[in-house]
N, C-alpha and C. Protein backbone atom coordinates (compact mmCIF):
# COMPACT_ATOMS: atom_id res chain seq x y z
N MET A 1 7.58 7.95 -20.71
CA MET A 1 7.91 6.65 -20.11
C MET A 1 8.66 6.85 -18.79
N ILE A 2 9.62 7.76 -18.79
CA ILE A 2 10.39 8.04 -17.57
C ILE A 2 9.46 8.58 -16.49
N PHE A 3 8.54 9.46 -16.91
CA PHE A 3 7.59 10.05 -15.96
C PHE A 3 6.75 8.96 -15.30
N LYS A 4 6.28 8.02 -16.12
CA LYS A 4 5.45 6.92 -15.63
C LYS A 4 6.22 6.09 -14.59
N LYS A 5 7.48 5.80 -14.91
CA LYS A 5 8.33 5.01 -14.01
C LYS A 5 8.50 5.74 -12.68
N ARG A 6 8.67 7.05 -12.75
CA ARG A 6 8.85 7.85 -11.55
C ARG A 6 7.60 7.81 -10.68
N VAL A 7 6.44 7.88 -11.32
CA VAL A 7 5.17 7.84 -10.59
C VAL A 7 5.01 6.48 -9.90
N VAL A 8 5.34 5.41 -10.62
CA VAL A 8 5.24 4.07 -10.03
C VAL A 8 6.17 3.95 -8.83
N THR A 9 7.39 4.47 -8.97
CA THR A 9 8.35 4.43 -7.86
C THR A 9 7.83 5.21 -6.67
N TYR A 10 7.26 6.39 -6.95
CA TYR A 10 6.70 7.24 -5.90
C TYR A 10 5.56 6.54 -5.17
N VAL A 11 4.65 5.94 -5.94
CA VAL A 11 3.50 5.24 -5.35
C VAL A 11 3.98 4.06 -4.51
N ALA A 12 4.96 3.32 -5.02
CA ALA A 12 5.49 2.17 -4.28
C ALA A 12 6.14 2.63 -2.97
N ALA A 13 6.89 3.73 -3.04
CA ALA A 13 7.53 4.26 -1.84
C ALA A 13 6.49 4.71 -0.82
N ARG A 14 5.46 5.39 -1.29
CA ARG A 14 4.37 5.85 -0.41
C ARG A 14 3.67 4.66 0.23
N PHE A 15 3.43 3.62 -0.56
CA PHE A 15 2.75 2.42 -0.07
C PHE A 15 3.58 1.74 1.01
N LEU A 16 4.88 1.59 0.75
CA LEU A 16 5.77 0.96 1.74
C LEU A 16 5.83 1.79 3.01
N PHE A 17 5.90 3.12 2.87
CA PHE A 17 5.94 4.01 4.03
C PHE A 17 4.65 3.88 4.83
N ALA A 18 3.51 3.85 4.14
CA ALA A 18 2.21 3.71 4.81
C ALA A 18 2.13 2.37 5.53
N LEU A 19 2.67 1.34 4.90
CA LEU A 19 2.67 0.00 5.49
C LEU A 19 3.49 0.01 6.79
N LYS A 20 4.69 0.61 6.74
CA LYS A 20 5.55 0.69 7.92
C LYS A 20 4.90 1.52 9.01
N ALA A 21 4.35 2.68 8.62
CA ALA A 21 3.69 3.55 9.58
C ALA A 21 2.47 2.85 10.19
N GLY A 22 1.74 2.14 9.35
CA GLY A 22 0.57 1.40 9.82
C GLY A 22 0.95 0.32 10.81
N GLU A 23 2.04 -0.38 10.53
CA GLU A 23 2.50 -1.43 11.43
C GLU A 23 2.89 -0.85 12.78
N SER A 24 3.63 0.25 12.80
CA SER A 24 4.05 0.85 14.05
C SER A 24 2.84 1.40 14.81
N LEU A 25 1.87 1.94 14.06
CA LEU A 25 0.65 2.47 14.67
C LEU A 25 -0.13 1.34 15.33
N VAL A 26 -0.29 0.23 14.62
CA VAL A 26 -0.98 -0.93 15.17
C VAL A 26 -0.23 -1.45 16.40
N GLY A 27 1.09 -1.45 16.32
CA GLY A 27 1.91 -1.90 17.45
C GLY A 27 1.68 -1.03 18.67
N LEU A 28 1.63 0.28 18.47
CA LEU A 28 1.40 1.21 19.57
C LEU A 28 0.02 1.00 20.19
N ILE A 29 -0.99 0.84 19.33
CA ILE A 29 -2.36 0.63 19.81
C ILE A 29 -2.43 -0.69 20.58
N ASP A 30 -1.80 -1.74 20.05
CA ASP A 30 -1.78 -3.04 20.72
C ASP A 30 -1.12 -2.92 22.09
N ASP A 31 0.03 -2.25 22.16
CA ASP A 31 0.74 -2.08 23.43
C ASP A 31 -0.13 -1.35 24.44
N LYS A 32 -0.79 -0.29 24.00
CA LYS A 32 -1.66 0.50 24.88
C LYS A 32 -2.82 -0.36 25.38
N PHE A 33 -3.44 -1.10 24.46
CA PHE A 33 -4.57 -1.96 24.78
C PHE A 33 -4.16 -3.05 25.77
N LEU A 34 -3.00 -3.68 25.49
CA LEU A 34 -2.52 -4.76 26.36
C LEU A 34 -2.16 -4.24 27.74
N SER A 35 -1.53 -3.07 27.82
CA SER A 35 -1.16 -2.52 29.12
C SER A 35 -2.40 -2.14 29.92
N GLU A 36 -3.43 -1.63 29.23
CA GLU A 36 -4.69 -1.30 29.91
C GLU A 36 -5.36 -2.56 30.43
N LYS A 37 -5.34 -3.62 29.62
CA LYS A 37 -5.90 -4.92 30.02
C LYS A 37 -5.17 -5.44 31.26
N ALA A 38 -3.84 -5.34 31.25
CA ALA A 38 -3.03 -5.83 32.35
C ALA A 38 -3.33 -5.06 33.63
N CYS A 39 -3.56 -3.76 33.51
CA CYS A 39 -3.86 -2.92 34.68
C CYS A 39 -5.23 -3.28 35.27
N GLN A 40 -6.17 -3.62 34.41
CA GLN A 40 -7.53 -3.93 34.86
C GLN A 40 -7.58 -5.26 35.61
N SER A 41 -6.83 -6.26 35.15
CA SER A 41 -6.92 -7.59 35.73
C SER A 41 -6.20 -7.70 37.08
């Protein structure tokens, strides 16, 4: 039971980390895309 709880906690932590990393990655891509758009216009 303890092992199962630990796995769930680990998966939740990994998911939250991936979510945060994904958000920052999307933010970086958006910034790059927007700055390129601004340079072109």
